[in-house]
Each structure stands twice: as C-alpha cells, then as structure tokens.
C-alpha cells in the first residue's frame, strides 16, 4: 500500500493527477493519513464497514468529492460518477461511454 501511496503523492505533486483514491483497512488509516498530511495534501474520508476510502489530492478536487460522500460510490448519479472518474484520471473516452450507459444511451460506434 505504501508504494501505491508514494506513487499517487508523486503524481499529484507533479501535476499529472489531481485526485487519488485508496481503499484501506481501518488499521492502517492513521499511518497513511499522516503521510498524506505531511505532504501537504488535502483528504476526505468515506467509512465503509471495516474499511475506509481515502480521497486525496488538490484541495479543490477534494472539496468536490466531499459533496459526493453522503452515498455509497455505487449509488452516485451518472453526473457525479462521471466527474469522479475524470478527477481520478480514468480514461476519458471510457468515462464518456460509462456515462452514456448510465443514462441508458448508447455511445456511437
């Protein structure tokens, strides 16, 4: 988990990734949050049973994500799901296909 966290922190600081998401056990949460804050990054938490989603990165992106955390990620509207995917750096074309499918529209091609 530390290698993934270090990679995400590097990408955020270099400006190639504005936001990252890690799903972690509650046991390692404090240690990871400590590293995130020591690197000057903002974060938001979403508790899920015995795990936690940590969203971290640029403060504006984290603020947007905070508006989504009242629901399980699988229950996000098509619009919010699209925004989150784009902020996390997922493939834009695939996110467009996913968005269209969630709206019961079919992408061209």
PDB file of N, CA and C in Angstrom:
ATOM      1  N   UNK A   1       0.829  -1.207   0.000  1.00  0.00           N
ATOM      2  CA  UNK A   1       0.000   0.000   0.000  1.00  0.00           C
ATOM      3  C   UNK A   1       0.863   1.257   0.000  1.00  0.00           C
ATOM      4  N   UNK A   2       2.018   1.197   0.691  1.00  0.00           N
ATOM      5  CA  UNK A   2       2.888   2.370   0.757  1.00  0.00           C
ATOM      6  C   UNK A   2       3.430   2.754  -0.615  1.00  0.00           C
ATOM      7  N   UNK A   3       3.746   1.748  -1.450  1.00  0.00           N
ATOM      8  CA  UNK A   3       4.251   2.059  -2.785  1.00  0.00           C
ATOM      9  C   UNK A   3       3.199   2.763  -3.627  1.00  0.00           C
ATOM     10  N   UNK A   4       1.973   2.302  -3.529  1.00  0.00           N
ATOM     11  CA  UNK A   4       0.881   2.937  -4.270  1.00  0.00           C
ATOM     12  C   UNK A   4       0.681   4.359  -3.764  1.00  0.00           C
ATOM     13  N   UNK A   5       0.664   4.538  -2.461  1.00  0.00           N
ATOM     14  CA  UNK A   5       0.508   5.869  -1.882  1.00  0.00           C
ATOM     15  C   UNK A   5       1.630   6.793  -2.345  1.00  0.00           C
ATOM     16  N   UNK A   6       2.863   6.322  -2.306  1.00  0.00           N
ATOM     17  CA  UNK A   6       4.001   7.136  -2.741  1.00  0.00           C
ATOM     18  C   UNK A   6       3.883   7.528  -4.208  1.00  0.00           C
ATOM     19  N   UNK A   7       3.432   6.600  -5.039  1.00  0.00           N
ATOM     20  CA  UNK A   7       3.244   6.903  -6.466  1.00  0.00           C
ATOM     21  C   UNK A   7       2.178   7.971  -6.651  1.00  0.00           C
ATOM     22  N   UNK A   8       1.056   7.825  -5.959  1.00  0.00           N
ATOM     23  CA  UNK A   8      -0.015   8.820  -6.069  1.00  0.00           C
ATOM     24  C   UNK A   8       0.449  10.194  -5.578  1.00  0.00           C
ATOM     25  N   UNK A   9       1.150  10.236  -4.476  1.00  0.00           N
ATOM     26  CA  UNK A   9       1.643  11.520  -3.960  1.00  0.00           C
ATOM     27  C   UNK A   9       2.573  12.163  -4.979  1.00  0.00           C
ATOM     28  N   UNK A  10       3.460  11.382  -5.562  1.00  0.00           N
ATOM     29  CA  UNK A  10       4.376  11.892  -6.586  1.00  0.00           C
ATOM     30  C   UNK A  10       3.589  12.466  -7.771  1.00  0.00           C
ATOM     31  N   UNK A  11       2.602  11.728  -8.277  1.00  0.00           N
ATOM     32  CA  UNK A  11       1.816  12.180  -9.424  1.00  0.00           C
ATOM     33  C   UNK A  11       1.030  13.449  -9.102  1.00  0.00           C
ATOM     34  N   UNK A  12       0.485  13.535  -7.907  1.00  0.00           N
ATOM     35  CA  UNK A  12      -0.275  14.732  -7.518  1.00  0.00           C
ATOM     36  C   UNK A  12       0.660  15.930  -7.447  1.00  0.00           C
ATOM     37  N   UNK A  13       1.802  15.754  -6.830  1.00  0.00           N
ATOM     38  CA  UNK A  13       2.753  16.866  -6.691  1.00  0.00           C
ATOM     39  C   UNK A  13       3.323  17.306  -8.040  1.00  0.00           C
ATOM     40  N   UNK A  14       3.463  16.390  -8.989  1.00  0.00           N
ATOM     41  CA  UNK A  14       3.965  16.722 -10.327  1.00  0.00           C
ATOM     42  C   UNK A  14       2.874  17.306 -11.216  1.00  0.00           C
ATOM     43  N   UNK A  15       1.626  17.230 -10.773  1.00  0.00           N
ATOM     44  CA  UNK A  15       0.528  17.805 -11.538  1.00  0.00           C
ATOM     45  C   UNK A  15      -0.055  16.888 -12.598  1.00  0.00           C
ATOM     46  N   UNK A  16       0.299  15.613 -12.582  1.00  0.00           N
ATOM     47  CA  UNK A  16      -0.246  14.698 -13.582  1.00  0.00           C
ATOM     48  C   UNK A  16      -1.530  14.019 -13.121  1.00  0.00           C
ATOM     49  N   UNK A  17      -1.847  14.147 -11.840  1.00  0.00           N
ATOM     50  CA  UNK A  17      -3.048  13.529 -11.263  1.00  0.00           C
ATOM     51  C   UNK A  17      -3.582  14.484 -10.202  1.00  0.00           C
ATOM     52  N   UNK A  18      -4.811  14.982 -10.359  1.00  0.00           N
ATOM     53  CA  UNK A  18      -5.319  15.928  -9.363  1.00  0.00           C
ATOM     54  C   UNK A  18      -5.911  15.285  -8.112  1.00  0.00           C
ATOM     55  N   UNK A  19      -6.293  14.005  -8.226  1.00  0.00           N
ATOM     56  CA  UNK A  19      -7.004  13.335  -7.143  1.00  0.00           C
ATOM     57  C   UNK A  19      -6.679  11.852  -7.177  1.00  0.00           C
ATOM     58  N   UNK A  20      -6.602  11.247  -6.001  1.00  0.00           N
ATOM     59  CA  UNK A  20      -6.370   9.804  -5.906  1.00  0.00           C
ATOM     60  C   UNK A  20      -7.338   9.210  -4.903  1.00  0.00           C
ATOM     61  N   UNK A  21      -7.538   7.907  -5.025  1.00  0.00           N
ATOM     62  CA  UNK A  21      -8.424   7.163  -4.134  1.00  0.00           C
ATOM     63  C   UNK A  21      -7.729   5.885  -3.703  1.00  0.00           C
ATOM     64  N   UNK A  22      -7.706   5.665  -2.402  1.00  0.00           N
ATOM     65  CA  UNK A  22      -7.242   4.403  -1.838  1.00  0.00           C
ATOM     66  C   UNK A  22      -8.336   3.865  -0.926  1.00  0.00           C
ATOM     67  N   UNK A  23      -8.586   2.582  -1.006  1.00  0.00           N
ATOM     68  CA  UNK A  23      -9.472   1.917  -0.066  1.00  0.00           C
ATOM     69  C   UNK A  23      -8.590   1.086   0.848  1.00  0.00           C
ATOM     70  N   UNK A  24      -8.646   1.381   2.137  1.00  0.00           N
ATOM     71  CA  UNK A  24      -7.715   0.771   3.086  1.00  0.00           C
ATOM     72  C   UNK A  24      -8.458   0.233   4.307  1.00  0.00           C
ATOM     73  N   UNK A  25      -7.790  -0.676   5.000  1.00  0.00           N
ATOM     74  CA  UNK A  25      -8.350  -1.174   6.260  1.00  0.00           C
ATOM     75  C   UNK A  25      -8.211  -0.077   7.317  1.00  0.00           C
ATOM     76  N   UNK A  26      -9.063  -0.121   8.300  1.00  0.00           N
ATOM     77  CA  UNK A  26      -9.027   0.884   9.362  1.00  0.00           C
ATOM     78  C   UNK A  26      -7.720   0.838  10.150  1.00  0.00           C
ATOM     79  N   UNK A  27      -7.059  -0.316  10.160  1.00  0.00           N
ATOM     80  CA  UNK A  27      -5.825  -0.465  10.927  1.00  0.00           C
ATOM     81  C   UNK A  27      -4.686   0.411  10.393  1.00  0.00           C
ATOM     82  N   UNK A  28      -4.615   0.592   9.083  1.00  0.00           N
ATOM     83  CA  UNK A  28      -3.506   1.387   8.532  1.00  0.00           C
ATOM     84  C   UNK A  28      -3.914   2.818   8.195  1.00  0.00           C
ATOM     85  N   UNK A  29      -5.128   3.199   8.510  1.00  0.00           N
ATOM     86  CA  UNK A  29      -5.645   4.513   8.154  1.00  0.00           C
ATOM     87  C   UNK A  29      -4.817   5.654   8.725  1.00  0.00           C
ATOM     88  N   UNK A  30      -4.544   5.648  10.018  1.00  0.00           N
ATOM     89  CA  UNK A  30      -3.817   6.757  10.646  1.00  0.00           C
ATOM     90  C   UNK A  30      -2.433   6.954  10.046  1.00  0.00           C
ATOM     91  N   UNK A  31      -1.735   5.873   9.780  1.00  0.00           N
ATOM     92  CA  UNK A  31      -0.393   5.954   9.212  1.00  0.00           C
ATOM     93  C   UNK A  31      -0.414   6.593   7.823  1.00  0.00           C
ATOM     94  N   UNK A  32      -1.389   6.205   7.002  1.00  0.00           N
ATOM     95  CA  UNK A  32      -1.486   6.763   5.655  1.00  0.00           C
ATOM     96  C   UNK A  32      -1.913   8.227   5.684  1.00  0.00           C
ATOM     97  N   UNK A  33      -2.855   8.562   6.553  1.00  0.00           N
ATOM     98  CA  UNK A  33      -3.287   9.958   6.667  1.00  0.00           C
ATOM     99  C   UNK A  33      -2.142  10.849   7.130  1.00  0.00           C
ATOM    100  N   UNK A  34      -1.315  10.331   8.010  1.00  0.00           N
ATOM    101  CA  UNK A  34      -0.150  11.076   8.474  1.00  0.00           C
ATOM    102  C   UNK A  34       0.771  11.413   7.305  1.00  0.00           C
ATOM    103  N   UNK A  35       1.005  10.447   6.449  1.00  0.00           N
ATOM    104  CA  UNK A  35       1.879  10.667   5.291  1.00  0.00           C
ATOM    105  C   UNK A  35       1.248  11.653   4.304  1.00  0.00           C
ATOM    106  N   UNK A  36      -0.051  11.542   4.106  1.00  0.00           N
ATOM    107  CA  UNK A  36      -0.756  12.450   3.192  1.00  0.00           C
ATOM    108  C   UNK A  36      -0.665  13.888   3.697  1.00  0.00           C
ATOM    109  N   UNK A  37      -0.940  14.100   4.974  1.00  0.00           N
ATOM    110  CA  UNK A  37      -0.902  15.460   5.519  1.00  0.00           C
ATOM    111  C   UNK A  37       0.522  16.001   5.583  1.00  0.00           C
ATOM    112  N   UNK A  38       1.508  15.152   5.857  1.00  0.00           N
ATOM    113  CA  UNK A  38       2.906  15.608   5.867  1.00  0.00           C
ATOM    114  C   UNK A  38       3.356  16.072   4.492  1.00  0.00           C
ATOM    115  N   UNK A  39       2.685  15.594   3.452  1.00  0.00           N
ATOM    116  CA  UNK A  39       2.992  16.020   2.094  1.00  0.00           C
ATOM    117  C   UNK A  39       2.138  17.201   1.649  1.00  0.00           C
ATOM    118  N   UNK A  40       1.382  17.775   2.583  1.00  0.00           N
ATOM    119  CA  UNK A  40       0.616  18.982   2.300  1.00  0.00           C
ATOM    120  C   UNK A  40      -0.610  18.775   1.441  1.00  0.00           C
ATOM    121  N   UNK A  41      -1.136  17.566   1.433  1.00  0.00           N
ATOM    122  CA  UNK A  41      -2.301  17.277   0.606  1.00  0.00           C
ATOM    123  C   UNK A  41      -3.571  17.240   1.448  1.00  0.00           C
ATOM    124  N   UNK A  42      -4.660  17.619   0.820  1.00  0.00           N
ATOM    125  CA  UNK A  42      -5.975  17.565   1.457  1.00  0.00           C
ATOM    126  C   UNK A  42      -6.545  16.161   1.281  1.00  0.00           C
ATOM    127  N   UNK A  43      -7.470  15.794   2.164  1.00  0.00           N
ATOM    128  CA  UNK A  43      -8.101  14.485   2.034  1.00  0.00           C
ATOM    129  C   UNK A  43      -9.527  14.533   2.563  1.00  0.00           C
ATOM    130  N   UNK A  44     -10.287  13.524   2.136  1.00  0.00           N
ATOM    131  CA  UNK A  44     -11.648  13.301   2.634  1.00  0.00           C
ATOM    132  C   UNK A  44     -11.798  11.804   2.842  1.00  0.00           C
ATOM    133  N   UNK A  45     -12.568  11.435   3.863  1.00  0.00           N
ATOM    134  CA  UNK A  45     -12.757  10.027   4.204  1.00  0.00           C
ATOM    135  C   UNK A  45     -14.199   9.599   3.993  1.00  0.00           C
ATOM    136  N   UNK A  46     -14.349   8.354   3.591  1.00  0.00           N
ATOM    137  CA  UNK A  46     -15.658   7.738   3.497  1.00  0.00           C
ATOM    138  C   UNK A  46     -15.548   6.360   4.149  1.00  0.00           C
ATOM    139  N   UNK A  47     -16.203   6.198   5.291  1.00  0.00           N
ATOM    140  CA  UNK A  47     -16.172   4.932   6.020  1.00  0.00           C
ATOM    141  C   UNK A  47     -17.087   3.924   5.340  1.00  0.00           C
ATOM    142  N   UNK A  48     -16.571   2.711   5.178  1.00  0.00           N
ATOM    143  CA  UNK A  48     -17.365   1.626   4.603  1.00  0.00           C
ATOM    144  C   UNK A  48     -17.044   0.344   5.370  1.00  0.00           C
ATOM    145  N   UNK A  49     -17.931  -0.036   6.257  1.00  0.00           N
ATOM    146  CA  UNK A  49     -17.774  -1.210   7.117  1.00  0.00           C
ATOM    147  C   UNK A  49     -16.424  -1.197   7.825  1.00  0.00           C
ATOM    148  N   UNK A  50     -15.565  -2.176   7.558  1.00  0.00           N
ATOM    149  CA  UNK A  50     -14.268  -2.215   8.250  1.00  0.00           C
ATOM    150  C   UNK A  50     -13.147  -1.614   7.408  1.00  0.00           C
ATOM    151  N   UNK A  51     -13.524  -0.836   6.392  1.00  0.00           N
ATOM    152  CA  UNK A  51     -12.562  -0.176   5.510  1.00  0.00           C
ATOM    153  C   UNK A  51     -12.890   1.311   5.423  1.00  0.00           C
ATOM    154  N   UNK A  52     -12.033   2.001   4.695  1.00  0.00           N
ATOM    155  CA  UNK A  52     -12.239   3.433   4.515  1.00  0.00           C
ATOM    156  C   UNK A  52     -11.706   3.843   3.150  1.00  0.00           C
ATOM    157  N   UNK A  53     -12.477   4.649   2.433  1.00  0.00           N
ATOM    158  CA  UNK A  53     -11.994   5.274   1.199  1.00  0.00           C
ATOM    159  C   UNK A  53     -11.297   6.570   1.582  1.00  0.00           C
ATOM    160  N   UNK A  54     -10.069   6.739   1.110  1.00  0.00           N
ATOM    161  CA  UNK A  54      -9.343   7.996   1.294  1.00  0.00           C
ATOM    162  C   UNK A  54      -9.220   8.649  -0.068  1.00  0.00           C
ATOM    163  N   UNK A  55      -9.842   9.809  -0.209  1.00  0.00           N
ATOM    164  CA  UNK A  55      -9.679  10.623  -1.407  1.00  0.00           C
ATOM    165  C   UNK A  55      -8.680  11.714  -1.037  1.00  0.00           C
ATOM    166  N   UNK A  56      -7.647  11.902  -1.836  1.00  0.00           N
ATOM    167  CA  UNK A  56      -6.659  12.924  -1.501  1.00  0.00           C
ATOM    168  C   UNK A  56      -6.069  13.535  -2.766  1.00  0.00           C
ATOM    169  N   UNK A  57      -5.626  14.783  -2.614  1.00  0.00           N
ATOM    170  CA  UNK A  57      -5.047  15.483  -3.749  1.00  0.00           C
ATOM    171  C   UNK A  57      -5.223  16.980  -3.630  1.00  0.00           C
ATOM    172  N   UNK A  58      -5.456  17.614  -4.764  1.00  0.00           N
ATOM    173  CA  UNK A  58      -5.646  19.061  -4.823  1.00  0.00           C
ATOM    174  C   UNK A  58      -6.902  19.441  -4.036  1.00  0.00           C
ATOM    175  N   UNK A  59      -6.806  20.531  -3.299  1.00  0.00           N
ATOM    176  CA  UNK A  59      -7.894  20.888  -2.378  1.00  0.00           C
ATOM    177  C   UNK A  59      -9.230  21.094  -3.084  1.00  0.00           C
ATOM    178  N   UNK A  60      -9.223  21.694  -4.264  1.00  0.00           N
ATOM    179  CA  UNK A  60     -10.477  21.924  -4.983  1.00  0.00           C
ATOM    180  C   UNK A  60     -11.150  20.597  -5.349  1.00  0.00           C
ATOM    181  N   UNK A  61     -10.348  19.629  -5.753  1.00  0.00           N
ATOM    182  CA  UNK A  61     -10.889  18.319  -6.124  1.00  0.00           C
ATOM    183  C   UNK A  61     -11.445  17.599  -4.905  1.00  0.00           C
ATOM    184  N   UNK A  62     -10.754  17.691  -3.798  1.00  0.00           N
ATOM    185  CA  UNK A  62     -11.232  17.059  -2.562  1.00  0.00           C
ATOM    186  C   UNK A  62     -12.540  17.706  -2.124  1.00  0.00           C
ATOM    187  N   UNK A  63     -12.652  19.015  -2.274  1.00  0.00           N
ATOM    188  CA  UNK A  63     -13.896  19.691  -1.908  1.00  0.00           C
ATOM    189  C   UNK A  63     -15.062  19.209  -2.758  1.00  0.00           C
ATOM    190  N   UNK A  64     -14.825  18.985  -4.048  1.00  0.00           N
ATOM    191  CA  UNK A  64     -15.878  18.443  -4.912  1.00  0.00           C
ATOM    192  C   UNK A  64     -16.287  17.063  -4.423  1.00  0.00           C
ATOM    193  N   UNK A  65     -15.313  16.213  -4.126  1.00  0.00           N
ATOM    194  CA  UNK A  65     -15.602  14.850  -3.668  1.00  0.00           C
ATOM    195  C   UNK A  65     -16.394  14.864  -2.372  1.00  0.00           C
ATOM    196  N   UNK A  66     -16.112  15.787  -1.498  1.00  0.00           N
ATOM    197  CA  UNK A  66     -16.846  15.851  -0.226  1.00  0.00           C
ATOM    198  C   UNK A  66     -18.352  15.988  -0.451  1.00  0.00           C
ATOM    199  N   UNK A  67     -18.752  16.596  -1.560  1.00  0.00           N
ATOM    200  CA  UNK A  67     -20.180  16.742  -1.842  1.00  0.00           C
ATOM    201  C   UNK A  67     -20.806  15.415  -2.264  1.00  0.00           C
ATOM    202  N   UNK A  68     -19.982  14.408  -2.582  1.00  0.00           N
ATOM    203  CA  UNK A  68     -20.470  13.105  -3.033  1.00  0.00           C
ATOM    204  C   UNK A  68     -20.553  12.084  -1.913  1.00  0.00           C
ATOM    205  N   UNK A  69     -19.938  12.322  -0.780  1.00  0.00           N
ATOM    206  CA  UNK A  69     -19.699  11.279   0.209  1.00  0.00           C
ATOM    207  C   UNK A  69     -20.898  10.914   1.071  1.00  0.00           C
ATOM    208  N   UNK A  70     -22.046  11.451   0.769  1.00  0.00           N
ATOM    209  CA  UNK A  70     -23.243  11.094   1.514  1.00  0.00           C
ATOM    210  C   UNK A  70     -23.842   9.781   1.015  1.00  0.00           C
ATOM    211  N   UNK A  71     -23.277   9.221  -0.083  1.00  0.00           N
ATOM    212  CA  UNK A  71     -23.782   7.984  -0.666  1.00  0.00           C
ATOM    213  C   UNK A  71     -22.629   7.025  -0.922  1.00  0.00           C
ATOM    214  N   UNK A  72     -22.971   5.761  -1.009  1.00  0.00           N
ATOM    215  CA  UNK A  72     -22.019   4.758  -1.463  1.00  0.00           C
ATOM    216  C   UNK A  72     -21.642   5.106  -2.900  1.00  0.00           C
ATOM    217  N   UNK A  73     -20.405   4.880  -3.278  1.00  0.00           N
ATOM    218  CA  UNK A  73     -19.956   5.244  -4.621  1.00  0.00           C
ATOM    219  C   UNK A  73     -20.771   4.555  -5.712  1.00  0.00           C
ATOM    220  N   UNK A  74     -21.252   3.361  -5.455  1.00  0.00           N
ATOM    221  CA  UNK A  74     -22.053   2.651  -6.459  1.00  0.00           C
ATOM    222  C   UNK A  74     -23.424   3.282  -6.655  1.00  0.00           C
ATOM    223  N   UNK A  75     -23.821   4.201  -5.772  1.00  0.00           N
ATOM    224  CA  UNK A  75     -25.127   4.845  -5.858  1.00  0.00           C
ATOM    225  C   UNK A  75     -25.059   6.277  -6.386  1.00  0.00           C
ATOM    226  N   UNK A  76     -23.886   6.688  -6.863  1.00  0.00           N
ATOM    227  CA  UNK A  76     -23.753   8.049  -7.386  1.00  0.00           C
ATOM    228  C   UNK A  76     -24.579   8.221  -8.656  1.00  0.00           C
ATOM    229  N   UNK A  77     -25.063   9.426  -8.859  1.00  0.00           N
ATOM    230  CA  UNK A  77     -25.760   9.738 -10.106  1.00  0.00           C
ATOM    231  C   UNK A  77     -24.769   9.616 -11.262  1.00  0.00           C
ATOM    232  N   UNK A  78     -25.284   9.543 -12.458  1.00  0.00           N
ATOM    233  CA  UNK A  78     -24.427   9.441 -13.643  1.00  0.00           C
ATOM    234  C   UNK A  78     -23.478  10.634 -13.723  1.00  0.00           C
ATOM    235  N   UNK A  79     -23.983  11.819 -13.407  1.00  0.00           N
ATOM    236  CA  UNK A  79     -23.154  13.025 -13.474  1.00  0.00           C
ATOM    237  C   UNK A  79     -22.012  12.981 -12.467  1.00  0.00           C
ATOM    238  N   UNK A  80     -22.329  12.630 -11.224  1.00  0.00           N
ATOM    239  CA  UNK A  80     -21.305  12.584 -10.182  1.00  0.00           C
ATOM    240  C   UNK A  80     -20.296  11.467 -10.444  1.00  0.00           C
ATOM    241  N   UNK A  81     -20.769  10.330 -10.925  1.00  0.00           N
ATOM    242  CA  UNK A  81     -19.881   9.230 -11.272  1.00  0.00           C
ATOM    243  C   UNK A  81     -18.898   9.661 -12.364  1.00  0.00           C
ATOM    244  N   UNK A  82     -19.391  10.385 -13.347  1.00  0.00           N
ATOM    245  CA  UNK A  82     -18.549  10.884 -14.441  1.00  0.00           C
ATOM    246  C   UNK A  82     -17.497  11.854 -13.907  1.00  0.00           C
ATOM    247  N   UNK A  83     -17.928  12.800 -13.106  1.00  0.00           N
ATOM    248  CA  UNK A  83     -16.996  13.787 -12.540  1.00  0.00           C
ATOM    249  C   UNK A  83     -15.920  13.092 -11.720  1.00  0.00           C
ATOM    250  N   UNK A  84     -16.315  12.167 -10.872  1.00  0.00           N
ATOM    251  CA  UNK A  84     -15.348  11.468 -10.038  1.00  0.00           C
ATOM    252  C   UNK A  84     -14.340  10.697 -10.885  1.00  0.00           C
ATOM    253  N   UNK A  85     -14.806  10.002 -11.897  1.00  0.00           N
ATOM    254  CA  UNK A  85     -13.913   9.260 -12.774  1.00  0.00           C
ATOM    255  C   UNK A  85     -12.902  10.153 -13.469  1.00  0.00           C
ATOM    256  N   UNK A  86     -13.360  11.289 -13.942  1.00  0.00           N
ATOM    257  CA  UNK A  86     -12.458  12.236 -14.613  1.00  0.00           C
ATOM    258  C   UNK A  86     -11.440  12.788 -13.618  1.00  0.00           C
ATOM    259  N   UNK A  87     -11.881  13.171 -12.419  1.00  0.00           N
ATOM    260  CA  UNK A  87     -10.959  13.698 -11.404  1.00  0.00           C
ATOM    261  C   UNK A  87      -9.912  12.667 -10.996  1.00  0.00           C
ATOM    262  N   UNK A  88     -10.300  11.395 -10.992  1.00  0.00           N
ATOM    263  CA  UNK A  88      -9.367  10.338 -10.616  1.00  0.00           C
ATOM    264  C   UNK A  88      -8.431   9.958 -11.767  1.00  0.00           C
ATOM    265  N   UNK A  89      -8.647  10.550 -12.928  1.00  0.00           N
ATOM    266  CA  UNK A  89      -7.746  10.325 -14.054  1.00  0.00           C
ATOM    267  C   UNK A  89      -8.064   9.101 -14.880  1.00  0.00           C
ATOM    268  N   UNK A  90      -9.289   8.597 -14.766  1.00  0.00           N
ATOM    269  CA  UNK A  90      -9.673   7.442 -15.559  1.00  0.00           C
ATOM    270  C   UNK A  90      -9.769   7.846 -17.027  1.00  0.00           C
ATOM    271  N   UNK A  91      -9.690   6.889 -17.909  1.00  0.00           N
ATOM    272  CA  UNK A  91      -9.750   7.123 -19.343  1.00  0.00           C
ATOM    273  C   UNK A  91     -11.002   7.930 -19.695  1.00  0.00           C
ATOM    274  N   UNK A  92     -10.812   9.051 -20.360  1.00  0.00           N
ATOM    275  CA  UNK A  92     -11.932   9.962 -20.637  1.00  0.00           C
ATOM    276  C   UNK A  92     -12.973   9.349 -21.554  1.00  0.00           C
ATOM    277  N   UNK A  93     -12.520   8.657 -22.588  1.00  0.00           N
ATOM    278  CA  UNK A  93     -13.474   8.052 -23.514  1.00  0.00           C
ATOM    279  C   UNK A  93     -14.276   6.962 -22.806  1.00  0.00           C
ATOM    280  N   UNK A  94     -13.607   6.151 -21.997  1.00  0.00           N
ATOM    281  CA  UNK A  94     -14.330   5.120 -21.249  1.00  0.00           C
ATOM    282  C   UNK A  94     -15.313   5.747 -20.263  1.00  0.00           C
ATOM    283  N   UNK A  95     -14.933   6.874 -19.669  1.00  0.00           N
ATOM    284  CA  UNK A  95     -15.857   7.560 -18.761  1.00  0.00           C
ATOM    285  C   UNK A  95     -17.070   8.084 -19.519  1.00  0.00           C
ATOM    286  N   UNK A  96     -16.858   8.563 -20.737  1.00  0.00           N
ATOM    287  CA  UNK A  96     -17.988   9.018 -21.554  1.00  0.00           C
ATOM    288  C   UNK A  96     -18.910   7.852 -21.888  1.00  0.00           C
ATOM    289  N   UNK A  97     -18.336   6.708 -22.235  1.00  0.00           N
ATOM    290  CA  UNK A  97     -19.153   5.511 -22.509  1.00  0.00           C
ATOM    291  C   UNK A  97     -19.942   5.110 -21.257  1.00  0.00           C
ATOM    292  N   UNK A  98     -19.271   5.101 -20.121  1.00  0.00           N
ATOM    293  CA  UNK A  98     -19.920   4.730 -18.866  1.00  0.00           C
ATOM    294  C   UNK A  98     -21.077   5.682 -18.562  1.00  0.00           C
ATOM    295  N   UNK A  99     -20.834   6.979 -18.756  1.00  0.00           N
ATOM    296  CA  UNK A  99     -21.865   7.998 -18.521  1.00  0.00           C
ATOM    297  C   UNK A  99     -23.075   7.759 -19.418  1.00  0.00           C
ATOM    298  N   UNK A 100     -22.826   7.548 -20.710  1.00  0.00           N
ATOM    299  CA  UNK A 100     -23.917   7.314 -21.642  1.00  0.00           C
ATOM    300  C   UNK A 100     -24.686   6.047 -21.280  1.00  0.00           C
ATOM    301  N   UNK A 101     -23.976   5.007 -20.863  1.00  0.00           N
ATOM    302  CA  UNK A 101     -24.648   3.766 -20.464  1.00  0.00           C
ATOM    303  C   UNK A 101     -25.488   3.968 -19.216  1.00  0.00           C
ATOM    304  N   UNK A 102     -24.982   4.764 -18.255  1.00  0.00           N
ATOM    305  CA  UNK A 102     -25.764   5.029 -17.037  1.00  0.00           C
ATOM    306  C   UNK A 102     -27.035   5.803 -17.359  1.00  0.00           C
ATOM    307  N   UNK A 103     -26.990   6.597 -18.441  1.00  0.00           N
ATOM    308  CA  UNK A 103     -28.183   7.344 -18.877  1.00  0.00           C
ATOM    309  C   UNK A 103     -29.060   6.509 -19.807  1.00  0.00           C
ATOM    310  N   UNK A 104     -28.676   5.244 -19.998  1.00  0.00           N
ATOM    311  CA  UNK A 104     -29.373   4.341 -20.930  1.00  0.00           C
ATOM    312  C   UNK A 104     -29.329   4.833 -22.365  1.00  0.00           C
ATOM    313  N   UNK A 105     -28.272   5.534 -22.696  1.00  0.00           N
ATOM    314  CA  UNK A 105     -27.985   5.926 -24.067  1.00  0.00           C
ATOM    315  C   UNK A 105     -26.822   5.058 -24.525  1.00  0.00           C
ATOM    316  N   UNK A 106     -26.653   4.921 -25.774  1.00  0.00           N
ATOM    317  CA  UNK A 106     -25.550   4.101 -26.248  1.00  0.00           C
ATOM    318  C   UNK A 106     -24.585   4.962 -27.043  1.00  0.00           C
ATOM    319  N   UNK A 107     -23.295   4.833 -26.740  1.00  0.00           N
ATOM    320  CA  UNK A 107     -22.317   5.623 -27.477  1.00  0.00           C
ATOM    321  C   UNK A 107     -22.304   5.240 -28.961  1.00  0.00           C
ATOM    322  N   UNK A 108     -21.943   6.196 -29.753  1.00  0.00           N
ATOM    323  CA  UNK A 108     -21.824   5.965 -31.191  1.00  0.00           C
ATOM    324  C   UNK A 108     -20.617   5.066 -31.434  1.00  0.00           C
ATOM    325  N   UNK A 109     -20.776   4.083 -32.300  1.00  0.00           N
ATOM    326  CA  UNK A 109     -19.646   3.228 -32.677  1.00  0.00           C
ATOM    327  C   UNK A 109     -19.577   1.928 -31.993  1.00  0.00           C
TER     328      UNK A 109
END
